[in-house]
């Protein structure tokens, strides 16, 4: 599976949801080498959040917590060919067919 994880918030904050996201990625890297993970990061967050063979950093233009973020996020994620997307910050892409958690 090709799984996208929205980690854009890590560029702005290092608490709460950001800590959860970071810990989730670390745990997934330890237990899962089969699935491909696309880590959706803010374009200014140039360092990969996690360094593992099946994890890849994807730079997005869409900022976190913008009132219109769901529309451009939908367009940016649609082109990635994701099978699933996880939005830990509770703001999933709007109007695309990617199943989400």
N, C-alpha and C. Protein backbone atom coordinates (compact mmCIF):
# COMPACT_ATOMS: atom_id res chain seq x y z
N UNK A 1 0.83 -1.19 0.00
CA UNK A 1 0.00 0.00 0.00
C UNK A 1 0.87 1.24 0.00
N UNK A 2 0.32 2.28 -0.56
CA UNK A 2 0.97 3.59 -0.56
C UNK A 2 0.17 4.49 0.38
N UNK A 3 0.77 4.83 1.50
CA UNK A 3 0.08 5.54 2.58
C UNK A 3 0.68 6.93 2.78
N UNK A 4 -0.17 7.93 2.76
CA UNK A 4 0.26 9.30 3.03
C UNK A 4 -0.04 9.67 4.48
N UNK A 5 0.91 10.33 5.13
CA UNK A 5 0.69 10.80 6.50
C UNK A 5 0.98 12.29 6.52
N UNK A 6 -0.03 13.05 6.91
CA UNK A 6 0.08 14.50 6.93
C UNK A 6 0.90 14.94 8.15
N UNK A 7 2.11 15.39 7.89
CA UNK A 7 3.02 15.83 8.96
C UNK A 7 3.34 17.31 8.84
N UNK A 8 2.48 18.08 8.17
CA UNK A 8 2.75 19.51 7.97
C UNK A 8 2.84 20.28 9.27
N UNK A 9 2.11 19.84 10.28
CA UNK A 9 2.08 20.56 11.55
C UNK A 9 3.42 20.54 12.27
N UNK A 10 4.27 19.56 11.97
CA UNK A 10 5.58 19.46 12.62
C UNK A 10 6.47 20.66 12.32
N UNK A 11 6.22 21.35 11.22
CA UNK A 11 7.00 22.54 10.90
C UNK A 11 6.67 23.69 11.87
N UNK A 12 5.45 23.72 12.37
CA UNK A 12 4.98 24.83 13.20
C UNK A 12 5.08 24.58 14.69
N UNK A 13 4.82 23.33 15.12
CA UNK A 13 4.72 23.04 16.55
C UNK A 13 5.47 21.76 16.88
N UNK A 14 5.94 21.70 18.11
CA UNK A 14 6.60 20.49 18.59
C UNK A 14 5.92 19.98 19.85
N UNK A 15 4.60 19.91 19.83
CA UNK A 15 3.84 19.41 20.97
C UNK A 15 2.53 18.81 20.46
N UNK A 16 1.83 18.10 21.33
CA UNK A 16 0.51 17.58 21.02
C UNK A 16 0.47 16.68 19.79
N UNK A 17 -0.27 17.10 18.79
CA UNK A 17 -0.44 16.32 17.56
C UNK A 17 0.90 16.10 16.87
N UNK A 18 1.78 17.07 16.93
CA UNK A 18 3.10 16.91 16.31
C UNK A 18 3.89 15.78 16.97
N UNK A 19 3.84 15.70 18.30
CA UNK A 19 4.53 14.62 19.00
C UNK A 19 3.92 13.27 18.64
N UNK A 20 2.60 13.23 18.60
CA UNK A 20 1.91 12.00 18.21
C UNK A 20 2.37 11.56 16.82
N UNK A 21 2.39 12.48 15.87
CA UNK A 21 2.77 12.17 14.49
C UNK A 21 4.20 11.66 14.42
N UNK A 22 5.11 12.33 15.09
CA UNK A 22 6.51 11.91 15.10
C UNK A 22 6.66 10.50 15.70
N UNK A 23 6.00 10.24 16.82
CA UNK A 23 6.08 8.93 17.47
C UNK A 23 5.43 7.84 16.60
N UNK A 24 4.34 8.18 15.95
CA UNK A 24 3.69 7.24 15.04
C UNK A 24 4.64 6.83 13.92
N UNK A 25 5.30 7.80 13.31
CA UNK A 25 6.23 7.51 12.22
C UNK A 25 7.40 6.66 12.69
N UNK A 26 7.92 6.96 13.87
CA UNK A 26 9.02 6.16 14.42
C UNK A 26 8.59 4.71 14.65
N UNK A 27 7.38 4.53 15.18
CA UNK A 27 6.88 3.19 15.44
C UNK A 27 6.63 2.43 14.13
N UNK A 28 6.06 3.10 13.15
CA UNK A 28 5.80 2.46 11.86
C UNK A 28 7.11 2.03 11.18
N UNK A 29 8.13 2.87 11.30
CA UNK A 29 9.43 2.54 10.69
C UNK A 29 10.02 1.27 11.32
N UNK A 30 9.73 1.03 12.59
CA UNK A 30 10.26 -0.15 13.27
C UNK A 30 9.51 -1.43 12.89
N UNK A 31 8.20 -1.32 12.66
CA UNK A 31 7.40 -2.54 12.48
C UNK A 31 6.98 -2.83 11.04
N UNK A 32 7.10 -1.87 10.14
CA UNK A 32 6.58 -2.07 8.79
C UNK A 32 7.60 -1.68 7.72
N UNK A 33 8.10 -2.67 7.03
CA UNK A 33 9.02 -2.42 5.93
C UNK A 33 8.37 -2.74 4.59
N UNK A 34 7.10 -3.13 4.59
CA UNK A 34 6.41 -3.54 3.36
C UNK A 34 5.68 -2.40 2.67
N UNK A 35 4.99 -1.58 3.43
CA UNK A 35 4.22 -0.48 2.84
C UNK A 35 5.12 0.71 2.53
N UNK A 36 4.68 1.51 1.58
CA UNK A 36 5.39 2.74 1.23
C UNK A 36 4.68 3.90 1.92
N UNK A 37 5.46 4.73 2.62
CA UNK A 37 4.90 5.87 3.35
C UNK A 37 5.39 7.16 2.72
N UNK A 38 4.45 8.02 2.37
CA UNK A 38 4.77 9.34 1.87
C UNK A 38 4.45 10.33 2.98
N UNK A 39 5.48 10.96 3.51
CA UNK A 39 5.32 11.89 4.63
C UNK A 39 5.10 13.27 4.04
N UNK A 40 3.91 13.79 4.22
CA UNK A 40 3.51 15.07 3.65
C UNK A 40 3.96 16.19 4.58
N UNK A 41 5.02 16.85 4.20
CA UNK A 41 5.62 17.88 5.04
C UNK A 41 5.46 19.26 4.40
N UNK A 42 5.49 20.27 5.24
CA UNK A 42 5.48 21.65 4.75
C UNK A 42 6.73 21.87 3.91
N UNK A 43 6.62 22.62 2.85
CA UNK A 43 7.74 22.81 1.92
C UNK A 43 8.97 23.43 2.59
N UNK A 44 8.78 24.20 3.64
CA UNK A 44 9.92 24.81 4.34
C UNK A 44 10.57 23.88 5.34
N UNK A 45 9.93 22.77 5.61
CA UNK A 45 10.47 21.77 6.53
C UNK A 45 11.33 20.82 5.70
N UNK A 46 12.59 21.20 5.49
CA UNK A 46 13.44 20.51 4.52
C UNK A 46 14.03 19.20 5.03
N UNK A 47 14.14 19.02 6.32
CA UNK A 47 14.67 17.77 6.87
C UNK A 47 13.57 16.71 6.89
N UNK A 48 13.86 15.50 6.44
CA UNK A 48 12.87 14.43 6.56
C UNK A 48 12.55 14.16 8.02
N UNK A 49 11.30 13.91 8.32
CA UNK A 49 10.90 13.62 9.69
C UNK A 49 11.45 12.27 10.12
N UNK A 50 11.51 11.35 9.18
CA UNK A 50 11.98 10.00 9.48
C UNK A 50 12.88 9.52 8.35
N UNK A 51 13.92 8.82 8.70
CA UNK A 51 14.85 8.31 7.70
C UNK A 51 14.76 6.78 7.68
N UNK A 52 14.00 6.26 6.74
CA UNK A 52 13.83 4.82 6.58
C UNK A 52 13.64 4.54 5.10
N UNK A 53 14.01 3.35 4.65
CA UNK A 53 13.96 3.05 3.22
C UNK A 53 12.58 3.17 2.57
N UNK A 54 11.52 2.86 3.30
CA UNK A 54 10.18 2.91 2.72
C UNK A 54 9.41 4.18 3.09
N UNK A 55 10.13 5.19 3.57
CA UNK A 55 9.53 6.49 3.90
C UNK A 55 10.13 7.55 2.99
N UNK A 56 9.26 8.38 2.42
CA UNK A 56 9.73 9.42 1.52
C UNK A 56 9.07 10.75 1.87
N UNK A 57 9.86 11.79 1.94
CA UNK A 57 9.38 13.14 2.22
C UNK A 57 8.74 13.72 0.96
N UNK A 58 7.54 14.27 1.11
CA UNK A 58 6.86 14.96 0.03
C UNK A 58 6.62 16.40 0.50
N UNK A 59 7.16 17.36 -0.22
CA UNK A 59 6.99 18.77 0.14
C UNK A 59 5.67 19.29 -0.43
N UNK A 60 4.84 19.83 0.44
CA UNK A 60 3.56 20.40 0.03
C UNK A 60 3.57 21.91 0.17
N UNK A 61 2.85 22.56 -0.71
CA UNK A 61 2.71 24.02 -0.64
C UNK A 61 1.61 24.43 0.33
N UNK A 62 0.65 23.56 0.52
CA UNK A 62 -0.51 23.88 1.36
C UNK A 62 -0.10 24.03 2.82
N UNK A 63 -0.33 25.21 3.41
CA UNK A 63 0.01 25.39 4.83
C UNK A 63 -1.02 24.74 5.75
N UNK A 64 -0.59 24.37 6.93
CA UNK A 64 -1.51 23.83 7.94
C UNK A 64 -2.30 24.97 8.57
N UNK A 65 -3.53 24.67 8.92
CA UNK A 65 -4.43 25.60 9.62
C UNK A 65 -4.73 26.87 8.83
N UNK A 66 -4.87 26.73 7.54
CA UNK A 66 -5.34 27.83 6.70
C UNK A 66 -6.80 27.56 6.41
N UNK A 67 -7.61 28.59 6.35
CA UNK A 67 -9.05 28.36 6.23
C UNK A 67 -9.46 27.69 4.93
N UNK A 68 -8.63 27.73 3.91
CA UNK A 68 -8.95 27.08 2.65
C UNK A 68 -8.05 25.86 2.37
N UNK A 69 -7.39 25.35 3.37
CA UNK A 69 -6.37 24.32 3.13
C UNK A 69 -6.91 23.02 2.52
N UNK A 70 -8.15 22.67 2.75
CA UNK A 70 -8.65 21.39 2.25
C UNK A 70 -8.70 21.33 0.73
N UNK A 71 -8.95 22.42 0.07
CA UNK A 71 -9.02 22.41 -1.40
C UNK A 71 -7.64 22.17 -2.04
N UNK A 72 -6.62 22.98 -1.74
CA UNK A 72 -5.32 22.71 -2.36
C UNK A 72 -4.70 21.40 -1.87
N UNK A 73 -4.99 21.02 -0.64
CA UNK A 73 -4.49 19.74 -0.13
C UNK A 73 -5.07 18.59 -0.96
N UNK A 74 -6.32 18.71 -1.35
CA UNK A 74 -6.94 17.69 -2.21
C UNK A 74 -6.21 17.57 -3.54
N UNK A 75 -5.89 18.71 -4.13
CA UNK A 75 -5.20 18.69 -5.42
C UNK A 75 -3.79 18.13 -5.30
N UNK A 76 -3.08 18.53 -4.26
CA UNK A 76 -1.69 18.05 -4.09
C UNK A 76 -1.63 16.56 -3.79
N UNK A 77 -2.56 16.04 -3.01
CA UNK A 77 -2.51 14.63 -2.65
C UNK A 77 -3.08 13.74 -3.75
N UNK A 78 -3.96 14.26 -4.56
CA UNK A 78 -4.55 13.48 -5.64
C UNK A 78 -3.49 12.95 -6.60
N UNK A 79 -2.49 13.75 -6.87
CA UNK A 79 -1.44 13.38 -7.82
C UNK A 79 -0.46 12.35 -7.26
N UNK A 80 -0.55 12.01 -5.97
CA UNK A 80 0.43 11.12 -5.34
C UNK A 80 0.08 9.63 -5.48
N UNK A 81 -1.12 9.33 -5.92
CA UNK A 81 -1.52 7.94 -6.07
C UNK A 81 -1.61 7.18 -4.76
N UNK A 82 -2.13 7.83 -3.73
CA UNK A 82 -2.23 7.22 -2.41
C UNK A 82 -3.38 6.22 -2.33
N UNK A 83 -3.16 5.17 -1.55
CA UNK A 83 -4.23 4.21 -1.26
C UNK A 83 -4.98 4.61 0.00
N UNK A 84 -4.30 5.38 0.87
CA UNK A 84 -4.86 5.77 2.16
C UNK A 84 -4.14 7.02 2.63
N UNK A 85 -4.86 7.88 3.34
CA UNK A 85 -4.21 9.06 3.93
C UNK A 85 -4.62 9.17 5.40
N UNK A 86 -3.64 9.47 6.23
CA UNK A 86 -3.89 9.69 7.66
C UNK A 86 -3.65 11.16 7.95
N UNK A 87 -4.68 11.81 8.51
CA UNK A 87 -4.61 13.23 8.84
C UNK A 87 -4.72 13.39 10.35
N UNK A 88 -3.58 13.32 11.06
CA UNK A 88 -3.64 13.40 12.52
C UNK A 88 -4.16 14.73 13.04
N UNK A 89 -4.11 15.77 12.21
CA UNK A 89 -4.57 17.09 12.64
C UNK A 89 -6.05 17.30 12.32
N UNK A 90 -6.76 16.22 11.96
CA UNK A 90 -8.21 16.23 11.74
C UNK A 90 -8.66 17.10 10.58
N UNK A 91 -7.77 17.38 9.64
CA UNK A 91 -8.15 18.18 8.47
C UNK A 91 -7.75 17.40 7.22
N UNK A 92 -8.62 16.48 6.79
CA UNK A 92 -8.29 15.67 5.61
C UNK A 92 -8.53 16.45 4.32
N UNK A 93 -7.97 15.97 3.22
CA UNK A 93 -8.27 16.59 1.93
C UNK A 93 -9.78 16.52 1.67
N UNK A 94 -10.30 17.51 1.03
CA UNK A 94 -11.73 17.58 0.76
C UNK A 94 -12.00 17.21 -0.69
N UNK A 95 -13.02 16.43 -0.92
CA UNK A 95 -13.46 16.09 -2.28
C UNK A 95 -12.44 15.34 -3.11
N UNK A 96 -11.76 14.38 -2.55
CA UNK A 96 -11.03 13.45 -3.38
C UNK A 96 -11.36 12.05 -2.92
N UNK A 97 -10.97 11.06 -3.66
CA UNK A 97 -11.41 9.69 -3.39
C UNK A 97 -10.42 8.87 -2.59
N UNK A 98 -9.48 9.50 -1.94
CA UNK A 98 -8.51 8.78 -1.12
C UNK A 98 -9.16 8.46 0.23
N UNK A 99 -9.28 7.20 0.59
CA UNK A 99 -9.81 6.89 1.92
C UNK A 99 -8.89 7.47 2.99
N UNK A 100 -9.50 7.92 4.07
CA UNK A 100 -8.70 8.55 5.12
C UNK A 100 -9.03 8.04 6.50
N UNK A 101 -8.06 8.25 7.39
CA UNK A 101 -8.23 7.91 8.81
C UNK A 101 -8.14 9.18 9.63
